[in-house]
Amino acid sequence: MIRDLSKMYPPARHPVPRQPGQQLKFTVTESCDRIKEEFHFLQAQYHSLKLECEKLASDKTEMQRHYVMYYEMSYGLNIEMHNLFYTTFYS
């Protein structure tokens, strides 16, 4: 068991010196305004990412549709070539 807490927890950082004109504390109104701004920013970012995700899902569905269409065309062409080969050489 550790009895000396200085070994368990690192020492606190030295406080940053205050610059001229810098307020030390924020008022409740200022803090609420900052939270509100950040919330709106995150909400806009979420909306943008949601739209991008929906577009990617739509693109994925379209690509899958094209893949199936090309697969069916390839399969049909393969069957036709197979039939042509056997009717030409085994008739």
PDB file of N, CA and C in Angstrom:
ATOM      1  N   MET A   1       0.842  -1.182   0.000  1.00  0.00           N
ATOM      2  CA  MET A   1       0.000   0.000   0.000  1.00  0.00           C
ATOM      3  C   MET A   1       0.888   1.246   0.000  1.00  0.00           C
ATOM      4  N   ILE A   2       0.538   2.218  -0.811  1.00  0.00           N
ATOM      5  CA  ILE A   2       1.308   3.455  -0.894  1.00  0.00           C
ATOM      6  C   ILE A   2       0.835   4.408   0.189  1.00  0.00           C
ATOM      7  N   ARG A   3       1.764   4.812   1.061  1.00  0.00           N
ATOM      8  CA  ARG A   3       1.402   5.737   2.129  1.00  0.00           C
ATOM      9  C   ARG A   3       1.739   7.174   1.762  1.00  0.00           C
ATOM     10  N   ASP A   4       2.716   7.332   0.880  1.00  0.00           N
ATOM     11  CA  ASP A   4       3.134   8.672   0.488  1.00  0.00           C
ATOM     12  C   ASP A   4       2.379   9.055  -0.782  1.00  0.00           C
ATOM     13  N   LEU A   5       1.406   9.977  -0.684  1.00  0.00           N
ATOM     14  CA  LEU A   5       0.579  10.349  -1.828  1.00  0.00           C
ATOM     15  C   LEU A   5       1.351  11.087  -2.904  1.00  0.00           C
ATOM     16  N   SER A   6       2.508  11.659  -2.566  1.00  0.00           N
ATOM     17  CA  SER A   6       3.288  12.368  -3.581  1.00  0.00           C
ATOM     18  C   SER A   6       3.821  11.389  -4.628  1.00  0.00           C
ATOM     19  N   LYS A   7       3.962  10.125  -4.265  1.00  0.00           N
ATOM     20  CA  LYS A   7       4.390   9.112  -5.235  1.00  0.00           C
ATOM     21  C   LYS A   7       3.222   8.667  -6.106  1.00  0.00           C
ATOM     22  N   MET A   8       2.029   8.777  -5.572  1.00  0.00           N
ATOM     23  CA  MET A   8       0.841   8.318  -6.286  1.00  0.00           C
ATOM     24  C   MET A   8       0.299   9.368  -7.242  1.00  0.00           C
ATOM     25  N   TYR A   9       0.352  10.615  -6.858  1.00  0.00           N
ATOM     26  CA  TYR A   9      -0.181  11.702  -7.678  1.00  0.00           C
ATOM     27  C   TYR A   9       0.946  12.649  -8.070  1.00  0.00           C
ATOM     28  N   PRO A  10       1.033  13.027  -9.339  1.00  0.00           N
ATOM     29  CA  PRO A  10       2.080  13.970  -9.740  1.00  0.00           C
ATOM     30  C   PRO A  10       1.801  15.351  -9.150  1.00  0.00           C
ATOM     31  N   PRO A  11       2.844  16.160  -8.978  1.00  0.00           N
ATOM     32  CA  PRO A  11       2.617  17.493  -8.423  1.00  0.00           C
ATOM     33  C   PRO A  11       1.791  18.355  -9.370  1.00  0.00           C
ATOM     34  N   ALA A  12       1.014  19.261  -8.810  1.00  0.00           N
ATOM     35  CA  ALA A  12       0.163  20.149  -9.614  1.00  0.00           C
ATOM     36  C   ALA A  12       1.036  21.094 -10.426  1.00  0.00           C
ATOM     37  N   ARG A  13       0.531  21.478 -11.611  1.00  0.00           N
ATOM     38  CA  ARG A  13       1.269  22.428 -12.441  1.00  0.00           C
ATOM     39  C   ARG A  13       1.213  23.807 -11.816  1.00  0.00           C
ATOM     40  N   HIS A  14       2.207  24.578 -12.126  1.00  0.00           N
ATOM     41  CA  HIS A  14       2.220  25.952 -11.648  1.00  0.00           C
ATOM     42  C   HIS A  14       1.162  26.747 -12.399  1.00  0.00           C
ATOM     43  N   PRO A  15       0.449  27.629 -11.723  1.00  0.00           N
ATOM     44  CA  PRO A  15      -0.577  28.408 -12.415  1.00  0.00           C
ATOM     45  C   PRO A  15       0.035  29.315 -13.475  1.00  0.00           C
ATOM     46  N   VAL A  16      -0.703  29.491 -14.566  1.00  0.00           N
ATOM     47  CA  VAL A  16      -0.253  30.357 -15.661  1.00  0.00           C
ATOM     48  C   VAL A  16      -0.391  31.801 -15.201  1.00  0.00           C
ATOM     49  N   PRO A  17       0.655  32.619 -15.387  1.00  0.00           N
ATOM     50  CA  PRO A  17       0.545  34.017 -14.949  1.00  0.00           C
ATOM     51  C   PRO A  17      -0.540  34.762 -15.717  1.00  0.00           C
ATOM     52  N   ARG A  18      -1.248  35.612 -15.019  1.00  0.00           N
ATOM     53  CA  ARG A  18      -2.344  36.367 -15.605  1.00  0.00           C
ATOM     54  C   ARG A  18      -1.797  37.498 -16.474  1.00  0.00           C
ATOM     55  N   GLN A  19      -2.365  37.625 -17.676  1.00  0.00           N
ATOM     56  CA  GLN A  19      -1.927  38.674 -18.591  1.00  0.00           C
ATOM     57  C   GLN A  19      -2.765  39.919 -18.369  1.00  0.00           C
ATOM     58  N   PRO A  20      -2.241  41.089 -18.732  1.00  0.00           N
ATOM     59  CA  PRO A  20      -3.007  42.324 -18.535  1.00  0.00           C
ATOM     60  C   PRO A  20      -4.320  42.294 -19.325  1.00  0.00           C
ATOM     61  N   GLY A  21      -5.379  42.724 -18.712  1.00  0.00           N
ATOM     62  CA  GLY A  21      -6.696  42.779 -19.363  1.00  0.00           C
ATOM     63  C   GLY A  21      -7.430  41.452 -19.367  1.00  0.00           C
ATOM     64  N   GLN A  22      -6.831  40.417 -18.797  1.00  0.00           N
ATOM     65  CA  GLN A  22      -7.461  39.103 -18.776  1.00  0.00           C
ATOM     66  C   GLN A  22      -8.294  38.958 -17.510  1.00  0.00           C
ATOM     67  N   GLN A  23      -9.563  38.554 -17.699  1.00  0.00           N
ATOM     68  CA  GLN A  23     -10.414  38.347 -16.532  1.00  0.00           C
ATOM     69  C   GLN A  23     -10.079  37.011 -15.892  1.00  0.00           C
ATOM     70  N   LEU A  24     -10.170  36.977 -14.605  1.00  0.00           N
ATOM     71  CA  LEU A  24      -9.854  35.750 -13.894  1.00  0.00           C
ATOM     72  C   LEU A  24     -11.083  34.842 -13.799  1.00  0.00           C
ATOM     73  N   LYS A  25     -12.267  35.424 -13.615  1.00  0.00           N
ATOM     74  CA  LYS A  25     -13.483  34.633 -13.469  1.00  0.00           C
ATOM     75  C   LYS A  25     -14.493  35.053 -14.538  1.00  0.00           C
ATOM     76  N   PHE A  26     -15.313  34.106 -14.926  1.00  0.00           N
ATOM     77  CA  PHE A  26     -16.397  34.388 -15.864  1.00  0.00           C
ATOM     78  C   PHE A  26     -17.688  34.518 -15.069  1.00  0.00           C
ATOM     79  N   THR A  27     -18.587  35.333 -15.564  1.00  0.00           N
ATOM     80  CA  THR A  27     -19.891  35.429 -14.916  1.00  0.00           C
ATOM     81  C   THR A  27     -20.738  34.247 -15.365  1.00  0.00           C
ATOM     82  N   VAL A  28     -21.828  34.012 -14.655  1.00  0.00           N
ATOM     83  CA  VAL A  28     -22.726  32.911 -14.995  1.00  0.00           C
ATOM     84  C   VAL A  28     -23.296  33.122 -16.397  1.00  0.00           C
ATOM     85  N   THR A  29     -23.649  34.358 -16.726  1.00  0.00           N
ATOM     86  CA  THR A  29     -24.215  34.665 -18.041  1.00  0.00           C
ATOM     87  C   THR A  29     -23.201  34.373 -19.149  1.00  0.00           C
ATOM     88  N   GLU A  30     -21.943  34.794 -18.928  1.00  0.00           N
ATOM     89  CA  GLU A  30     -20.911  34.523 -19.927  1.00  0.00           C
ATOM     90  C   GLU A  30     -20.685  33.029 -20.105  1.00  0.00           C
ATOM     91  N   SER A  31     -20.670  32.313 -18.998  1.00  0.00           N
ATOM     92  CA  SER A  31     -20.481  30.859 -19.070  1.00  0.00           C
ATOM     93  C   SER A  31     -21.638  30.199 -19.811  1.00  0.00           C
ATOM     94  N   CYS A  32     -22.859  30.628 -19.520  1.00  0.00           N
ATOM     95  CA  CYS A  32     -24.029  30.071 -20.210  1.00  0.00           C
ATOM     96  C   CYS A  32     -23.977  30.383 -21.703  1.00  0.00           C
ATOM     97  N   ASP A  33     -23.556  31.600 -22.051  1.00  0.00           N
ATOM     98  CA  ASP A  33     -23.444  31.968 -23.468  1.00  0.00           C
ATOM     99  C   ASP A  33     -22.410  31.114 -24.180  1.00  0.00           C
ATOM    100  N   ARG A  34     -21.284  30.872 -23.531  1.00  0.00           N
ATOM    101  CA  ARG A  34     -20.248  30.021 -24.136  1.00  0.00           C
ATOM    102  C   ARG A  34     -20.742  28.604 -24.326  1.00  0.00           C
ATOM    103  N   ILE A  35     -21.444  28.085 -23.322  1.00  0.00           N
ATOM    104  CA  ILE A  35     -22.001  26.731 -23.420  1.00  0.00           C
ATOM    105  C   ILE A  35     -23.012  26.669 -24.558  1.00  0.00           C
ATOM    106  N   LYS A  36     -23.850  27.699 -24.651  1.00  0.00           N
ATOM    107  CA  LYS A  36     -24.862  27.758 -25.705  1.00  0.00           C
ATOM    108  C   LYS A  36     -24.199  27.794 -27.089  1.00  0.00           C
ATOM    109  N   GLU A  37     -23.154  28.610 -27.250  1.00  0.00           N
ATOM    110  CA  GLU A  37     -22.436  28.684 -28.526  1.00  0.00           C
ATOM    111  C   GLU A  37     -21.811  27.339 -28.884  1.00  0.00           C
ATOM    112  N   GLU A  38     -21.179  26.708 -27.910  1.00  0.00           N
ATOM    113  CA  GLU A  38     -20.560  25.408 -28.163  1.00  0.00           C
ATOM    114  C   GLU A  38     -21.606  24.363 -28.518  1.00  0.00           C
ATOM    115  N   PHE A  39     -22.746  24.419 -27.838  1.00  0.00           N
ATOM    116  CA  PHE A  39     -23.824  23.474 -28.128  1.00  0.00           C
ATOM    117  C   PHE A  39     -24.316  23.651 -29.557  1.00  0.00           C
ATOM    118  N   HIS A  40     -24.523  24.893 -29.983  1.00  0.00           N
ATOM    119  CA  HIS A  40     -24.979  25.145 -31.354  1.00  0.00           C
ATOM    120  C   HIS A  40     -23.935  24.718 -32.378  1.00  0.00           C
ATOM    121  N   PHE A  41     -22.663  24.945 -32.058  1.00  0.00           N
ATOM    122  CA  PHE A  41     -21.591  24.506 -32.954  1.00  0.00           C
ATOM    123  C   PHE A  41     -21.600  22.988 -33.088  1.00  0.00           C
ATOM    124  N   LEU A  42     -21.696  22.277 -31.956  1.00  0.00           N
ATOM    125  CA  LEU A  42     -21.716  20.815 -31.991  1.00  0.00           C
ATOM    126  C   LEU A  42     -22.965  20.284 -32.682  1.00  0.00           C
ATOM    127  N   GLN A  43     -24.083  20.974 -32.493  1.00  0.00           N
ATOM    128  CA  GLN A  43     -25.321  20.571 -33.149  1.00  0.00           C
ATOM    129  C   GLN A  43     -25.192  20.708 -34.664  1.00  0.00           C
ATOM    130  N   ALA A  44     -24.588  21.813 -35.134  1.00  0.00           N
ATOM    131  CA  ALA A  44     -24.373  22.015 -36.572  1.00  0.00           C
ATOM    132  C   ALA A  44     -23.415  20.966 -37.122  1.00  0.00           C
ATOM    133  N   GLN A  45     -22.381  20.661 -36.364  1.00  0.00           N
ATOM    134  CA  GLN A  45     -21.418  19.652 -36.790  1.00  0.00           C
ATOM    135  C   GLN A  45     -22.097  18.282 -36.876  1.00  0.00           C
ATOM    136  N   TYR A  46     -22.922  17.966 -35.891  1.00  0.00           N
ATOM    137  CA  TYR A  46     -23.655  16.693 -35.897  1.00  0.00           C
ATOM    138  C   TYR A  46     -24.564  16.615 -37.123  1.00  0.00           C
ATOM    139  N   HIS A  47     -25.276  17.696 -37.404  1.00  0.00           N
ATOM    140  CA  HIS A  47     -26.181  17.719 -38.545  1.00  0.00           C
ATOM    141  C   HIS A  47     -25.407  17.499 -39.848  1.00  0.00           C
ATOM    142  N   SER A  48     -24.268  18.169 -39.980  1.00  0.00           N
ATOM    143  CA  SER A  48     -23.435  18.027 -41.168  1.00  0.00           C
ATOM    144  C   SER A  48     -22.943  16.591 -41.330  1.00  0.00           C
ATOM    145  N   LEU A  49     -22.476  15.997 -40.238  1.00  0.00           N
ATOM    146  CA  LEU A  49     -21.990  14.620 -40.293  1.00  0.00           C
ATOM    147  C   LEU A  49     -23.120  13.637 -40.581  1.00  0.00           C
ATOM    148  N   LYS A  50     -24.308  13.925 -40.050  1.00  0.00           N
ATOM    149  CA  LYS A  50     -25.462  13.056 -40.305  1.00  0.00           C
ATOM    150  C   LYS A  50     -25.822  13.081 -41.783  1.00  0.00           C
ATOM    151  N   LEU A  51     -25.820  14.279 -42.395  1.00  0.00           N
ATOM    152  CA  LEU A  51     -26.110  14.380 -43.827  1.00  0.00           C
ATOM    153  C   LEU A  51     -25.064  13.639 -44.647  1.00  0.00           C
ATOM    154  N   GLU A  52     -23.802  13.783 -44.270  1.00  0.00           N
ATOM    155  CA  GLU A  52     -22.726  13.096 -44.988  1.00  0.00           C
ATOM    156  C   GLU A  52     -22.883  11.580 -44.865  1.00  0.00           C
ATOM    157  N   CYS A  53     -23.251  11.128 -43.687  1.00  0.00           N
ATOM    158  CA  CYS A  53     -23.454   9.692 -43.459  1.00  0.00           C
ATOM    159  C   CYS A  53     -24.614   9.166 -44.306  1.00  0.00           C
ATOM    160  N   GLU A  54     -25.703   9.926 -44.371  1.00  0.00           N
ATOM    161  CA  GLU A  54     -26.846   9.526 -45.191  1.00  0.00           C
ATOM    162  C   GLU A  54     -26.469   9.469 -46.668  1.00  0.00           C
ATOM    163  N   LYS A  55     -25.661  10.431 -47.126  1.00  0.00           N
ATOM    164  CA  LYS A  55     -25.219  10.439 -48.518  1.00  0.00           C
ATOM    165  C   LYS A  55     -24.343   9.223 -48.803  1.00  0.00           C
ATOM    166  N   LEU A  56     -23.433   8.894 -47.881  1.00  0.00           N
ATOM    167  CA  LEU A  56     -22.575   7.726 -48.061  1.00  0.00           C
ATOM    168  C   LEU A  56     -23.395   6.434 -48.078  1.00  0.00           C
ATOM    169  N   ALA A  57     -24.407   6.361 -47.237  1.00  0.00           N
ATOM    170  CA  ALA A  57     -25.273   5.175 -47.225  1.00  0.00           C
ATOM    171  C   ALA A  57     -26.023   5.049 -48.551  1.00  0.00           C
ATOM    172  N   SER A  58     -26.468   6.186 -49.082  1.00  0.00           N
ATOM    173  CA  SER A  58     -27.152   6.190 -50.379  1.00  0.00           C
ATOM    174  C   SER A  58     -26.192   5.762 -51.494  1.00  0.00           C
ATOM    175  N   ASP A  59     -24.964   6.290 -51.455  1.00  0.00           N
ATOM    176  CA  ASP A  59     -23.957   5.910 -52.453  1.00  0.00           C
ATOM    177  C   ASP A  59     -23.632   4.419 -52.364  1.00  0.00           C
ATOM    178  N   LYS A  60     -23.565   3.902 -51.144  1.00  0.00           N
ATOM    179  CA  LYS A  60     -23.282   2.481 -50.942  1.00  0.00           C
ATOM    180  C   LYS A  60     -24.392   1.632 -51.569  1.00  0.00           C
ATOM    181  N   THR A  61     -25.636   2.009 -51.323  1.00  0.00           N
ATOM    182  CA  THR A  61     -26.765   1.272 -51.882  1.00  0.00           C
ATOM    183  C   THR A  61     -26.718   1.306 -53.412  1.00  0.00           C
ATOM    184  N   GLU A  62     -26.398   2.472 -53.975  1.00  0.00           N
ATOM    185  CA  GLU A  62     -26.297   2.605 -55.434  1.00  0.00           C
ATOM    186  C   GLU A  62     -25.176   1.729 -55.986  1.00  0.00           C
ATOM    187  N   MET A  63     -24.036   1.696 -55.302  1.00  0.00           N
ATOM    188  CA  MET A  63     -22.914   0.861 -55.753  1.00  0.00           C
ATOM    189  C   MET A  63     -23.286  -0.625 -55.684  1.00  0.00           C
ATOM    190  N   GLN A  64     -23.991  -1.009 -54.637  1.00  0.00           N
ATOM    191  CA  GLN A  64     -24.413  -2.410 -54.525  1.00  0.00           C
ATOM    192  C   GLN A  64     -25.373  -2.777 -55.650  1.00  0.00           C
ATOM    193  N   ARG A  65     -26.257  -1.841 -55.989  1.00  0.00           N
ATOM    194  CA  ARG A  65     -27.200  -2.079 -57.087  1.00  0.00           C
ATOM    195  C   ARG A  65     -26.445  -2.271 -58.402  1.00  0.00           C
ATOM    196  N   HIS A  66     -25.435  -1.414 -58.651  1.00  0.00           N
ATOM    197  CA  HIS A  66     -24.628  -1.539 -59.871  1.00  0.00           C
ATOM    198  C   HIS A  66     -23.851  -2.854 -59.873  1.00  0.00           C
ATOM    199  N   TYR A  67     -23.327  -3.252 -58.723  1.00  0.00           N
ATOM    200  CA  TYR A  67     -22.589  -4.506 -58.635  1.00  0.00           C
ATOM    201  C   TYR A  67     -23.485  -5.681 -59.021  1.00  0.00           C
ATOM    202  N   VAL A  68     -24.702  -5.713 -58.484  1.00  0.00           N
ATOM    203  CA  VAL A  68     -25.627  -6.802 -58.798  1.00  0.00           C
ATOM    204  C   VAL A  68     -25.966  -6.790 -60.288  1.00  0.00           C
ATOM    205  N   MET A  69     -26.186  -5.597 -60.836  1.00  0.00           N
ATOM    206  CA  MET A  69     -26.525  -5.488 -62.255  1.00  0.00           C
ATOM    207  C   MET A  69     -25.370  -6.019 -63.120  1.00  0.00           C
ATOM    208  N   TYR A  70     -24.125  -5.628 -62.813  1.00  0.00           N
ATOM    209  CA  TYR A  70     -22.979  -6.107 -63.592  1.00  0.00           C
ATOM    210  C   TYR A  70     -22.742  -7.593 -63.385  1.00  0.00           C
ATOM    211  N   TYR A  71     -22.990  -8.082 -62.179  1.00  0.00           N
ATOM    212  CA  TYR A  71     -22.849  -9.507 -61.919  1.00  0.00           C
ATOM    213  C   TYR A  71     -23.847 -10.297 -62.764  1.00  0.00           C
ATOM    214  N   GLU A  72     -25.099  -9.836 -62.811  1.00  0.00           N
ATOM    215  CA  GLU A  72     -26.122 -10.526 -63.596  1.00  0.00           C
ATOM    216  C   GLU A  72     -25.777 -10.494 -65.083  1.00  0.00           C
ATOM    217  N   MET A  73     -25.262  -9.344 -65.566  1.00  0.00           N
ATOM    218  CA  MET A  73     -24.867  -9.242 -66.970  1.00  0.00           C
ATOM    219  C   MET A  73     -23.704 -10.191 -67.267  1.00  0.00           C
ATOM    220  N   SER A  74     -22.735 -10.250 -66.379  1.00  0.00           N
ATOM    221  CA  SER A  74     -21.579 -11.119 -66.563  1.00  0.00           C
ATOM    222  C   SER A  74     -22.004 -12.588 -66.549  1.00  0.00           C
ATOM    223  N   TYR A  75     -22.886 -12.919 -65.633  1.00  0.00           N
ATOM    224  CA  TYR A  75     -23.365 -14.293 -65.546  1.00  0.00           C
ATOM    225  C   TYR A  75     -24.115 -14.673 -66.825  1.00  0.00           C
ATOM    226  N   GLY A  76     -24.982 -13.751 -67.296  1.00  0.00           N
ATOM    227  CA  GLY A  76     -25.730 -14.008 -68.529  1.00  0.00           C
ATOM    228  C   GLY A  76     -24.800 -14.167 -69.726  1.00  0.00           C
ATOM    229  N   LEU A  77     -23.773 -13.324 -69.818  1.00  0.00           N
ATOM    230  CA  LEU A  77     -22.812 -13.419 -70.914  1.00  0.00           C
ATOM    231  C   LEU A  77     -22.034 -14.727 -70.844  1.00  0.00           C
ATOM    232  N   ASN A  78     -21.680 -15.132 -69.648  1.00  0.00           N
ATOM    233  CA  ASN A  78     -20.960 -16.393 -69.457  1.00  0.00           C
ATOM    234  C   ASN A  78     -21.817 -17.576 -69.927  1.00  0.00           C
ATOM    235  N   ILE A  79     -23.097 -17.559 -69.588  1.00  0.00           N
ATOM    236  CA  ILE A  79     -24.012 -18.629 -70.018  1.00  0.00           C
ATOM    237  C   ILE A  79     -24.119 -18.642 -71.547  1.00  0.00           C
ATOM    238  N   GLU A  80     -24.262 -17.450 -72.157  1.00  0.00           N
ATOM    239  CA  GLU A  80     -24.362 -17.376 -73.624  1.00  0.00           C
ATOM    240  C   GLU A  80     -23.095 -17.902 -74.293  1.00  0.00           C
ATOM    241  N   MET A  81     -21.920 -17.523 -73.757  1.00  0.00           N
ATOM    242  CA  MET A  81     -20.657 -18.001 -74.324  1.00  0.00           C
ATOM    243  C   MET A  81     -20.541 -19.515 -74.165  1.00  0.00           C
ATOM    244  N   HIS A  82     -20.966 -20.019 -73.013  1.00  0.00           N
ATOM    245  CA  HIS A  82     -20.934 -21.455 -72.768  1.00  0.00           C
ATOM    246  C   HIS A  82     -21.822 -22.190 -73.767  1.00  0.00           C
ATOM    247  N   ASN A  83     -23.042 -21.685 -73.951  1.00  0.00           N
ATOM    248  CA  ASN A  83     -23.973 -22.303 -74.901  1.00  0.00           C
ATOM    249  C   ASN A  83     -23.441 -22.213 -76.329  1.00  0.00           C
ATOM    250  N   LEU A  84     -22.870 -21.074 -76.713  1.00  0.00           N
ATOM    251  CA  LEU A  84     -22.316 -20.899 -78.059  1.00  0.00           C
ATOM    252  C   LEU A  84     -21.164 -21.867 -78.292  1.00  0.00           C
ATOM    253  N   PHE A  85     -20.314 -22.013 -77.284  1.00  0.00           N
ATOM    254  CA  PHE A  85     -19.174 -22.937 -77.395  1.00  0.00           C
ATOM    255  C   PHE A  85     -19.652 -24.367 -77.636  1.00  0.00           C
ATOM    256  N   TYR A  86     -20.618 -24.834 -76.823  1.00  0.00           N
ATOM    257  CA  TYR A  86     -21.072 -26.208 -76.927  1.00  0.00           C
ATOM    258  C   TYR A  86     -21.902 -26.427 -78.184  1.00  0.00           C
ATOM    259  N   THR A  87     -22.679 -25.463 -78.636  1.00  0.00           N
ATOM    260  CA  THR A  87     -23.454 -25.649 -79.871  1.00  0.00           C
ATOM    261  C   THR A  87     -22.531 -25.612 -81.078  1.00  0.00           C
ATOM    262  N   THR A  88     -21.439 -24.879 -81.026  1.00  0.00           N
ATOM    263  CA  THR A  88     -20.513 -24.793 -82.164  1.00  0.00           C
ATOM    264  C   THR A  88     -19.680 -26.061 -82.292  1.00  0.00           C
ATOM    265  N   PHE A  89     -19.136 -26.559 -81.172  1.00  0.00           N
ATOM    266  CA  PHE A  89     -18.205 -27.679 -81.244  1.00  0.00           C
ATOM    267  C   PHE A  89     -18.871 -29.059 -81.055  1.00  0.00           C
ATOM    268  N   TYR A  90     -20.048 -29.114 -80.481  1.00  0.00           N
ATOM    269  CA  TYR A  90     -20.681 -30.409 -80.214  1.00  0.00           C
ATOM    270  C   TYR A  90     -21.984 -30.600 -80.960  1.00  0.00           C
ATOM    271  N   SER A  91     -22.217 -29.860 -82.022  1.00  0.00           N
ATOM    272  CA  SER A  91     -23.444 -30.044 -82.805  1.00  0.00           C
ATOM    273  C   SER A  91     -23.194 -30.925 -83.995  1.00  0.00           C
TER     274      SER A  91
END
